Amino acid sequence: MSETWTYTDGDYPLPRPTDAAAMHTVAGKVVIVTGSGRGIGRGMAVHLAKGGARVVVAEWKDDLLASTVAEIEALGAECLGVPTNIMERADIDVMVGRTIERFGRVDGLINNAQTFRPLADIATVTEHDVDVFYRSGVKGTLWAMQAVHPHMAEQQWGRIVNFASSMGITGGAGFAAYNASKEAIRALTRTAAREWAMDGIVVNAIAPAAATHKGAGAQQSEGYRQFIENCPMRRQGDPEWDMGPLAWFLCSDACRYLTGHTFMADGGAFMWA
């Protein structure tokens, strides 16, 4: 469903889809979603599966892993569940290795998982807090990117989606270690976008504002109240139906000319920050 064309100022061949619908599909794509046992990760994994993607559920809690795998398999979609602690590089390498063993390829990587610590301001944040955020967020993201890179580069097609936060961009008070880790992830995103573009790999980030697994109690917090008050849409995003479509787009061929960006999926909340 494609033809090859050449830029007038060079001989770089680029597949050019002739079917607009084919550009937007994820059917048949092999997409890894870390932290997909619940929350945004689960929402994206299920949404991609509904679109025909073959999803790898990378989750470190066995019960959550089994739940998401069962949900996806109930849809009739192809799925692989791999227990993965993103704080351990060996786990990530095994997870990618099992993906290749099962499907023979990897087309998309969504680095959603990150381990959290209690909030602390910059005067009191501990070295342990910083280490946890960096090992799970920055290093976990980097290790996963490095693990999939040779496979994506060989096929000259790949999509990597990392996770950032508006709190890092605005310097949200009380989030010192978290903010630093999220901005470091954005730096990795931009650098990989530049270095891997000629490998056919597109790299972007999402800064989400979506309801998670924390439940109704989170909706009573002051932070939640302030978010709703200042969000033009007056609601948090839905993990599957608001975050899922963006992940779908970023993992498809429709995103072939967008790279190195951070997408603010927050109902317009960032505009007031």
C-alpha atoms as a PDB file:
ATOM      1  CA  MET A   1       0.000   0.000   0.000  1.00  0.00           C
ATOM      2  CA  SER A   2       2.963   2.337  -0.438  1.00  0.00           C
ATOM      3  CA  GLU A   3       5.292   3.700  -3.056  1.00  0.00           C
ATOM      4  CA  THR A   4       8.832   5.075  -2.789  1.00  0.00           C
ATOM      5  CA  TRP A   5       9.639   8.661  -3.532  1.00  0.00           C
ATOM      6  CA  THR A   6      12.827  10.713  -3.394  1.00  0.00           C
ATOM      7  CA  TYR A   7      13.494  14.228  -2.178  1.00  0.00           C
ATOM      8  CA  THR A   8      14.647  16.535  -4.956  1.00  0.00           C
ATOM      9  CA  ASP A   9      17.803  17.514  -3.058  1.00  0.00           C
ATOM     10  CA  GLY A  10      18.942  13.987  -2.224  1.00  0.00           C
ATOM     11  CA  ASP A  11      18.419  10.290  -2.598  1.00  0.00           C
ATOM     12  CA  TYR A  12      16.858   9.486   0.770  1.00  0.00           C
ATOM     13  CA  PRO A  13      14.010   7.038   0.012  1.00  0.00           C
ATOM     14  CA  LEU A  14      10.893   7.377   2.121  1.00  0.00           C
ATOM     15  CA  PRO A  15       7.898   5.037   2.050  1.00  0.00           C
ATOM     16  CA  ARG A  16       4.905   7.100   1.032  1.00  0.00           C
ATOM     17  CA  PRO A  17       1.521   5.645   2.027  1.00  0.00           C
ATOM     18  CA  THR A  18      -1.112   5.714  -0.691  1.00  0.00           C
ATOM     19  CA  ASP A  19      -3.940   4.799   1.698  1.00  0.00           C
ATOM     20  CA  ALA A  20      -4.745   7.489   4.255  1.00  0.00           C
ATOM     21  CA  ALA A  21      -6.481   5.019   6.565  1.00  0.00           C
ATOM     22  CA  ALA A  22      -3.397   2.802   6.638  1.00  0.00           C
ATOM     23  CA  MET A  23      -1.367   5.666   8.083  1.00  0.00           C
ATOM     24  CA  HIS A  24      -3.539   5.797  11.177  1.00  0.00           C
ATOM     25  CA  THR A  25      -3.695   2.119  12.011  1.00  0.00           C
ATOM     26  CA  VAL A  26      -1.815   0.242  14.720  1.00  0.00           C
ATOM     27  CA  ALA A  27      -3.141  -3.123  13.575  1.00  0.00           C
ATOM     28  CA  GLY A  28      -0.404  -5.725  13.690  1.00  0.00           C
ATOM     29  CA  LYS A  29       2.075  -3.394  15.399  1.00  0.00           C
ATOM     30  CA  VAL A  30       3.967  -4.836  18.370  1.00  0.00           C
ATOM     31  CA  VAL A  31       3.854  -2.286  21.178  1.00  0.00           C
ATOM     32  CA  ILE A  32       5.424  -2.584  24.636  1.00  0.00           C
ATOM     33  CA  VAL A  33       3.662  -0.659  27.418  1.00  0.00           C
ATOM     34  CA  THR A  34       5.501  -0.530  30.752  1.00  0.00           C
ATOM     35  CA  GLY A  35       3.491  -0.132  33.929  1.00  0.00           C
ATOM     36  CA  SER A  36       0.395  -1.353  32.111  1.00  0.00           C
ATOM     37  CA  GLY A  37      -1.176  -3.130  35.048  1.00  0.00           C
ATOM     38  CA  ARG A  38      -3.317  -0.145  35.983  1.00  0.00           C
ATOM     39  CA  GLY A  39      -3.971   3.550  35.431  1.00  0.00           C
ATOM     40  CA  ILE A  40      -2.780   5.254  32.271  1.00  0.00           C
ATOM     41  CA  GLY A  41      -0.618   2.298  31.274  1.00  0.00           C
ATOM     42  CA  ARG A  42      -3.574  -0.082  31.358  1.00  0.00           C
ATOM     43  CA  GLY A  43      -5.747   2.403  29.492  1.00  0.00           C
ATOM     44  CA  MET A  44      -3.223   2.780  26.681  1.00  0.00           C
ATOM     45  CA  ALA A  45      -2.577  -0.966  26.452  1.00  0.00           C
ATOM     46  CA  VAL A  46      -6.284  -1.795  26.191  1.00  0.00           C
ATOM     47  CA  HIS A  47      -6.946   0.984  23.676  1.00  0.00           C
ATOM     48  CA  LEU A  48      -4.082  -0.158  21.451  1.00  0.00           C
ATOM     49  CA  ALA A  49      -5.281  -3.746  21.669  1.00  0.00           C
ATOM     50  CA  LYS A  50      -8.746  -2.665  20.552  1.00  0.00           C
ATOM     51  CA  GLY A  51      -7.045  -1.164  17.506  1.00  0.00           C
ATOM     52  CA  GLY A  52      -5.448  -4.481  16.619  1.00  0.00           C
ATOM     53  CA  ALA A  53      -2.006  -3.924  18.106  1.00  0.00           C
ATOM     54  CA  ARG A  54      -0.145  -6.852  19.637  1.00  0.00           C
ATOM     55  CA  VAL A  55       0.542  -5.555  23.126  1.00  0.00           C
ATOM     56  CA  VAL A  56       3.320  -6.505  25.518  1.00  0.00           C
ATOM     57  CA  VAL A  57       2.165  -5.870  29.083  1.00  0.00           C
ATOM     58  CA  ALA A  58       5.297  -5.104  31.104  1.00  0.00           C
ATOM     59  CA  GLU A  59       4.287  -4.922  34.770  1.00  0.00           C
ATOM     60  CA  TRP A  60       6.064  -5.821  38.008  1.00  0.00           C
ATOM     61  CA  LYS A  61       3.019  -6.764  40.114  1.00  0.00           C
ATOM     62  CA  ASP A  62       1.793 -10.236  39.210  1.00  0.00           C
ATOM     63  CA  ASP A  63      -1.884  -9.635  40.001  1.00  0.00           C
ATOM     64  CA  LEU A  64      -2.042  -6.447  37.950  1.00  0.00           C
ATOM     65  CA  LEU A  65      -0.152  -8.095  35.107  1.00  0.00           C
ATOM     66  CA  ALA A  66      -2.597 -10.988  35.013  1.00  0.00           C
ATOM     67  CA  SER A  67      -5.594  -8.650  35.142  1.00  0.00           C
ATOM     68  CA  THR A  68      -4.545  -6.559  32.133  1.00  0.00           C
ATOM     69  CA  VAL A  69      -3.506  -9.603  30.112  1.00  0.00           C
ATOM     70  CA  ALA A  70      -6.887 -11.229  30.803  1.00  0.00           C
ATOM     71  CA  GLU A  71      -8.707  -8.042  29.807  1.00  0.00           C
ATOM     72  CA  ILE A  72      -6.841  -7.804  26.509  1.00  0.00           C
ATOM     73  CA  GLU A  73      -7.197 -11.496  25.702  1.00  0.00           C
ATOM     74  CA  ALA A  74     -10.947 -11.206  26.348  1.00  0.00           C
ATOM     75  CA  LEU A  75     -11.000  -8.727  23.467  1.00  0.00           C
ATOM     76  CA  GLY A  76      -9.578 -11.404  21.198  1.00  0.00           C
ATOM     77  CA  ALA A  77      -6.327  -9.477  20.843  1.00  0.00           C
ATOM     78  CA  GLU A  78      -2.843 -10.968  20.870  1.00  0.00           C
ATOM     79  CA  CYS A  79      -0.951 -10.169  24.052  1.00  0.00           C
ATOM     80  CA  LEU A  80       2.222 -11.068  25.947  1.00  0.00           C
ATOM     81  CA  GLY A  81       2.618 -10.465  29.655  1.00  0.00           C
ATOM     82  CA  VAL A  82       6.137 -10.146  31.053  1.00  0.00           C
ATOM     83  CA  PRO A  83       6.927  -9.475  34.731  1.00  0.00           C
ATOM     84  CA  THR A  84       9.214  -6.436  34.584  1.00  0.00           C
ATOM     85  CA  ASN A  85      10.848  -4.311  37.261  1.00  0.00           C
ATOM     86  CA  ILE A  86      11.940  -1.210  35.372  1.00  0.00           C
ATOM     87  CA  MET A  87      14.492  -0.466  38.105  1.00  0.00           C
ATOM     88  CA  GLU A  88      16.481  -3.506  36.935  1.00  0.00           C
ATOM     89  CA  ARG A  89      18.170  -3.324  33.555  1.00  0.00           C
ATOM     90  CA  ALA A  90      18.331  -7.115  33.321  1.00  0.00           C
ATOM     91  CA  ASP A  91      14.525  -7.292  33.622  1.00  0.00           C
ATOM     92  CA  ILE A  92      14.111  -4.805  30.791  1.00  0.00           C
ATOM     93  CA  ASP A  93      16.535  -6.700  28.542  1.00  0.00           C
ATOM     94  CA  VAL A  94      14.696  -9.963  29.224  1.00  0.00           C
ATOM     95  CA  MET A  95      11.347  -8.312  28.517  1.00  0.00           C
ATOM     96  CA  VAL A  96      12.501  -6.996  25.134  1.00  0.00           C
ATOM     97  CA  GLY A  97      14.139 -10.331  24.379  1.00  0.00           C
ATOM     98  CA  ARG A  98      10.883 -12.186  25.065  1.00  0.00           C
ATOM     99  CA  THR A  99       9.049  -9.696  22.842  1.00  0.00           C
ATOM    100  CA  ILE A 100      11.372 -10.465  19.930  1.00  0.00           C
ATOM    101  CA  GLU A 101      11.185 -14.193  20.636  1.00  0.00           C
ATOM    102  CA  ARG A 102       7.376 -14.121  20.566  1.00  0.00           C
ATOM    103  CA  PHE A 103       6.666 -11.627  17.778  1.00  0.00           C
ATOM    104  CA  GLY A 104       9.935 -11.321  15.870  1.00  0.00           C
ATOM    105  CA  ARG A 105       9.876  -7.534  16.049  1.00  0.00           C
ATOM    106  CA  VAL A 106       9.079  -4.504  18.191  1.00  0.00           C
ATOM    107  CA  ASP A 107       7.423  -1.450  16.655  1.00  0.00           C
ATOM    108  CA  GLY A 108       6.507   0.700  19.633  1.00  0.00           C
ATOM    109  CA  LEU A 109       7.729   1.319  23.168  1.00  0.00           C
ATOM    110  CA  ILE A 110       5.705   3.299  25.692  1.00  0.00           C
ATOM    111  CA  ASN A 111       7.789   4.109  28.785  1.00  0.00           C
ATOM    112  CA  ASN A 112       4.933   4.766  31.192  1.00  0.00           C
ATOM    113  CA  ALA A 113       6.204   3.113  34.391  1.00  0.00           C
ATOM    114  CA  GLN A 114       7.977   4.973  37.181  1.00  0.00           C
ATOM    115  CA  THR A 115       8.295   4.270  40.893  1.00  0.00           C
ATOM    116  CA  PHE A 116       7.145   7.057  43.233  1.00  0.00           C
ATOM    117  CA  ARG A 117       8.247   8.456  46.549  1.00  0.00           C
ATOM    118  CA  PRO A 118       6.449  10.733  49.038  1.00  0.00           C
ATOM    119  CA  LEU A 119       6.492  14.388  48.055  1.00  0.00           C
ATOM    120  CA  ALA A 120       9.288  16.525  49.473  1.00  0.00           C
ATOM    121  CA  ASP A 121      10.389  20.092  48.873  1.00  0.00           C
ATOM    122  CA  ILE A 122      13.851  20.875  47.589  1.00  0.00           C
ATOM    123  CA  ALA A 123      15.227  21.735  51.040  1.00  0.00           C
ATOM    124  CA  THR A 124      14.360  18.340  52.504  1.00  0.00           C
ATOM    125  CA  VAL A 125      14.347  15.888  49.596  1.00  0.00           C
ATOM    126  CA  THR A 126      16.593  12.905  50.331  1.00  0.00           C
ATOM    127  CA  GLU A 127      19.244  11.245  48.232  1.00  0.00           C
ATOM    128  CA  HIS A 128      17.163   8.066  48.341  1.00  0.00           C
ATOM    129  CA  ASP A 129      14.162   9.898  46.847  1.00  0.00           C
ATOM    130  CA  VAL A 130      16.312  11.214  44.009  1.00  0.00           C
ATOM    131  CA  ASP A 131      17.858   7.792  43.395  1.00  0.00           C
ATOM    132  CA  VAL A 132      14.454   6.050  43.187  1.00  0.00           C
ATOM    133  CA  PHE A 133      13.045   8.596  40.747  1.00  0.00           C
ATOM    134  CA  TYR A 134      16.167   8.537  38.606  1.00  0.00           C
ATOM    135  CA  ARG A 135      16.648   4.777  38.563  1.00  0.00           C
ATOM    136  CA  SER A 136      13.018   3.993  37.751  1.00  0.00           C
ATOM    137  CA  GLY A 137      12.277   6.996  35.570  1.00  0.00           C
ATOM    138  CA  VAL A 138      15.413   8.199  33.840  1.00  0.00           C
ATOM    139  CA  LYS A 139      17.475   5.023  33.803  1.00  0.00           C
ATOM    140  CA  GLY A 140      14.483   2.757  33.235  1.00  0.00           C
ATOM    141  CA  THR A 141      13.454   4.867  30.254  1.00  0.00           C
ATOM    142  CA  LEU A 142      17.000   4.955  28.870  1.00  0.00           C
ATOM    143  CA  TRP A 143      17.564   1.224  29.303  1.00  0.00           C
ATOM    144  CA  ALA A 144      14.316   0.386  27.518  1.00  0.00           C
ATOM    145  CA  MET A 145      15.127   2.762  24.667  1.00  0.00           C
ATOM    146  CA  GLN A 146      18.558   1.217  24.282  1.00  0.00           C
ATOM    147  CA  ALA A 147      17.092  -2.299  24.340  1.00  0.00           C
ATOM    148  CA  VAL A 148      14.633  -1.673  21.481  1.00  0.00           C
ATOM    149  CA  HIS A 149      16.861   0.574  19.383  1.00  0.00           C
ATOM    150  CA  PRO A 150      18.753  -2.075  17.391  1.00  0.00           C
ATOM    151  CA  HIS A 151      15.523  -3.858  16.478  1.00  0.00           C
ATOM    152  CA  MET A 152      13.782  -0.661  15.376  1.00  0.00           C
ATOM    153  CA  ALA A 153      16.854   0.575  13.505  1.00  0.00           C
ATOM    154  CA  GLU A 154      17.145  -2.724  11.624  1.00  0.00           C
ATOM    155  CA  GLN A 155      13.578  -2.446  10.359  1.00  0.00           C
ATOM    156  CA  GLN A 156      13.946   1.328   9.828  1.00  0.00           C
ATOM    157  CA  TRP A 157      10.705   1.993  11.701  1.00  0.00           C
ATOM    158  CA  GLY A 158       9.987   2.588  15.351  1.00  0.00           C
ATOM    159  CA  ARG A 159       7.936   4.668  17.753  1.00  0.00           C
ATOM    160  CA  ILE A 160       9.029   5.545  21.289  1.00  0.00           C
ATOM    161  CA  VAL A 161       6.726   7.372  23.706  1.00  0.00           C
ATOM    162  CA  ASN A 162       8.175   8.591  27.003  1.00  0.00           C
ATOM    163  CA  PHE A 163       6.366  10.164  29.937  1.00  0.00           C
ATOM    164  CA  ALA A 164       7.001  13.679  31.189  1.00  0.00           C
ATOM    165  CA  SER A 165       5.040  16.003  33.481  1.00  0.00           C
ATOM    166  CA  SER A 166       3.883  19.597  33.477  1.00  0.00           C
ATOM    167  CA  MET A 167       5.136  19.730  37.076  1.00  0.00           C
ATOM    168  CA  GLY A 168       8.683  19.426  35.812  1.00  0.00           C
ATOM    169  CA  ILE A 169       8.183  22.148  33.229  1.00  0.00           C
ATOM    170  CA  THR A 170       6.649  24.602  35.702  1.00  0.00           C
ATOM    171  CA  GLY A 171       8.726  23.595  38.729  1.00  0.00           C
ATOM    172  CA  GLY A 172       5.790  22.454  40.847  1.00  0.00           C
ATOM    173  CA  ALA A 173       6.477  22.978  44.555  1.00  0.00           C
ATOM    174  CA  GLY A 174       7.028  19.843  46.589  1.00  0.00           C
ATOM    175  CA  PHE A 175       8.020  17.725  43.593  1.00  0.00           C
ATOM    176  CA  ALA A 176      11.778  18.348  43.526  1.00  0.00           C
ATOM    177  CA  ALA A 177      13.090  14.847  42.739  1.00  0.00           C
ATOM    178  CA  TYR A 178      10.103  13.957  40.543  1.00  0.00           C
ATOM    179  CA  ASN A 179      10.409  17.176  38.542  1.00  0.00           C
ATOM    180  CA  ALA A 180      14.128  16.645  37.964  1.00  0.00           C
ATOM    181  CA  SER A 181      13.560  13.099  36.728  1.00  0.00           C
ATOM    182  CA  LYS A 182      10.784  14.112  34.355  1.00  0.00           C
ATOM    183  CA  GLU A 183      12.837  16.901  32.808  1.00  0.00           C
ATOM    184  CA  ALA A 184      15.720  14.471  32.371  1.00  0.00           C
ATOM    185  CA  ILE A 185      13.352  12.146  30.522  1.00  0.00           C
ATOM    186  CA  ARG A 186      12.365  15.025  28.240  1.00  0.00           C
ATOM    187  CA  ALA A 187      16.069  15.616  27.540  1.00  0.00           C
ATOM    188  CA  LEU A 188      16.518  11.953  26.613  1.00  0.00           C
ATOM    189  CA  THR A 189      13.464  12.226  24.370  1.00  0.00           C
ATOM    190  CA  ARG A 190      14.825  15.205  22.444  1.00  0.00           C
ATOM    191  CA  THR A 191      18.310  13.712  22.141  1.00  0.00           C
ATOM    192  CA  ALA A 192      17.044  10.362  20.864  1.00  0.00           C
ATOM    193  CA  ALA A 193      14.707  12.155  18.452  1.00  0.00           C
ATOM    194  CA  ARG A 194      17.729  13.902  16.947  1.00  0.00           C
ATOM    195  CA  GLU A 195      20.137  10.954  16.987  1.00  0.00           C
ATOM    196  CA  TRP A 196      17.740   8.252  15.806  1.00  0.00           C
ATOM    197  CA  ALA A 197      15.695  10.129  13.193  1.00  0.00           C
ATOM    198  CA  MET A 198      17.654   8.632  10.303  1.00  0.00           C
ATOM    199  CA  ASP A 199      17.034   5.181  11.789  1.00  0.00           C
ATOM    200  CA  GLY A 200      13.338   5.709  11.093  1.00  0.00           C
ATOM    201  CA  ILE A 201      12.588   6.103  14.802  1.00  0.00           C
ATOM    202  CA  VAL A 202      10.230   8.809  16.065  1.00  0.00           C
ATOM    203  CA  VAL A 203      10.551   9.744  19.751  1.00  0.00           C
ATOM    204  CA  ASN A 204       8.041  11.889  21.646  1.00  0.00           C
ATOM    205  CA  ALA A 205       6.764  12.414  25.177  1.00  0.00           C
ATOM    206  CA  ILE A 206       3.360  12.782  26.814  1.00  0.00           C
ATOM    207  CA  ALA A 207       2.725  14.979  29.852  1.00  0.00           C
ATOM    208  CA  PRO A 208      -0.629  13.618  31.068  1.00  0.00           C
ATOM    209  CA  ALA A 209      -3.314  14.692  33.495  1.00  0.00           C
ATOM    210  CA  ALA A 210      -5.509  11.641  33.910  1.00  0.00           C
ATOM    211  CA  ALA A 211      -7.372   9.782  36.594  1.00  0.00           C
ATOM    212  CA  THR A 212      -5.229   6.949  37.980  1.00  0.00           C
ATOM    213  CA  HIS A 213      -5.631   4.012  40.340  1.00  0.00           C
ATOM    214  CA  LYS A 214      -5.617   6.238  43.435  1.00  0.00           C
ATOM    215  CA  GLY A 215      -9.398   6.205  43.601  1.00  0.00           C
ATOM    216  CA  ALA A 216     -12.013   8.571  44.951  1.00  0.00           C
ATOM    217  CA  GLY A 217      -9.820   9.771  47.813  1.00  0.00           C
ATOM    218  CA  ALA A 218      -7.565  11.622  45.394  1.00  0.00           C
ATOM    219  CA  GLN A 219     -10.580  13.582  44.186  1.00  0.00           C
ATOM    220  CA  GLN A 220     -10.925  15.166  47.615  1.00  0.00           C
ATOM    221  CA  SER A 221      -7.389  16.590  47.657  1.00  0.00           C
ATOM    222  CA  GLU A 222      -6.523  20.259  47.348  1.00  0.00           C
ATOM    223  CA  GLY A 223      -4.346  19.505  44.335  1.00  0.00           C
ATOM    224  CA  TYR A 224      -7.259  17.865  42.542  1.00  0.00           C
ATOM    225  CA  ARG A 225      -9.562  20.774  43.386  1.00  0.00           C
ATOM    226  CA  GLN A 226      -7.075  23.297  42.007  1.00  0.00           C
ATOM    227  CA  PHE A 227      -6.557  21.263  38.845  1.00  0.00           C
ATOM    228  CA  ILE A 228     -10.290  21.016  38.118  1.00  0.00           C
ATOM    229  CA  GLU A 229     -10.782  24.697  38.895  1.00  0.00           C
ATOM    230  CA  ASN A 230      -8.074  25.744  36.420  1.00  0.00           C
ATOM    231  CA  CYS A 231      -8.607  23.137  33.719  1.00  0.00           C
ATOM    232  CA  PRO A 232     -10.733  24.545  30.865  1.00  0.00           C
ATOM    233  CA  MET A 233     -12.448  21.154  30.445  1.00  0.00           C
ATOM    234  CA  ARG A 234     -13.094  20.871  34.202  1.00  0.00           C
ATOM    235  CA  ARG A 235     -12.136  17.197  34.369  1.00  0.00           C
ATOM    236  CA  GLN A 236      -9.238  14.790  34.479  1.00  0.00           C
ATOM    237  CA  GLY A 237      -8.501  12.723  31.418  1.00  0.00           C
ATOM    238  CA  ASP A 238      -9.717   9.179  30.986  1.00  0.00           C
ATOM    239  CA  PRO A 239      -6.766   6.732  30.826  1.00  0.00           C
ATOM    240  CA  GLU A 240      -8.228   4.750  27.943  1.00  0.00           C
ATOM    241  CA  TRP A 241     -10.286   7.219  25.938  1.00  0.00           C
ATOM    242  CA  ASP A 242      -8.184  10.379  26.364  1.00  0.00           C
ATOM    243  CA  MET A 243      -4.641   9.023  26.761  1.00  0.00           C
ATOM    244  CA  GLY A 244      -5.172   5.946  24.602  1.00  0.00           C
ATOM    245  CA  PRO A 245      -5.877   7.792  21.339  1.00  0.00           C
ATOM    246  CA  LEU A 246      -2.766   9.936  21.747  1.00  0.00           C
ATOM    247  CA  ALA A 247      -0.641   6.846  22.328  1.00  0.00           C
ATOM    248  CA  TRP A 248      -2.302   5.282  19.260  1.00  0.00           C
ATOM    249  CA  PHE A 249      -1.397   8.303  17.117  1.00  0.00           C
ATOM    250  CA  LEU A 250       2.181   8.426  18.401  1.00  0.00           C
ATOM    251  CA  CYS A 251       2.628   4.714  17.625  1.00  0.00           C
ATOM    252  CA  SER A 252       1.257   4.966  14.092  1.00  0.00           C
ATOM    253  CA  ASP A 253       2.619   6.120  10.753  1.00  0.00           C
ATOM    254  CA  ALA A 254       0.477   9.247  11.056  1.00  0.00           C
ATOM    255  CA  CYS A 255       3.174  10.560  13.421  1.00  0.00           C
ATOM    256  CA  ARG A 256       6.029  10.141  10.966  1.00  0.00           C
ATOM    257  CA  TYR A 257       6.984  13.855  10.795  1.00  0.00           C
ATOM    258  CA  LEU A 258       6.604  14.771  14.470  1.00  0.00           C
ATOM    259  CA  THR A 259       9.505  13.996  16.780  1.00  0.00           C
ATOM    260  CA  GLY A 260      11.130  15.420  19.907  1.00  0.00           C
ATOM    261  CA  HIS A 261       7.884  16.956  21.175  1.00  0.00           C
ATOM    262  CA  THR A 262       6.114  16.902  24.529  1.00  0.00           C
ATOM    263  CA  PHE A 263       2.343  16.582  24.131  1.00  0.00           C
ATOM    264  CA  MET A 264       0.375  18.216  26.951  1.00  0.00           C
ATOM    265  CA  ALA A 265      -2.579  15.853  27.354  1.00  0.00           C
ATOM    266  CA  ASP A 266      -4.303  17.784  30.111  1.00  0.00           C
ATOM    267  CA  GLY A 267      -7.520  19.343  28.841  1.00  0.00           C
ATOM    268  CA  GLY A 268      -5.784  22.714  28.425  1.00  0.00           C
ATOM    269  CA  ALA A 269      -4.598  22.928  32.050  1.00  0.00           C
ATOM    270  CA  PHE A 270      -1.006  23.774  31.094  1.00  0.00           C
ATOM    271  CA  MET A 271      -2.165  27.011  29.477  1.00  0.00           C
ATOM    272  CA  TRP A 272      -2.695  28.641  32.881  1.00  0.00           C
ATOM    273  CA  ALA A 273       0.478  27.303  34.504  1.00  0.00           C
END
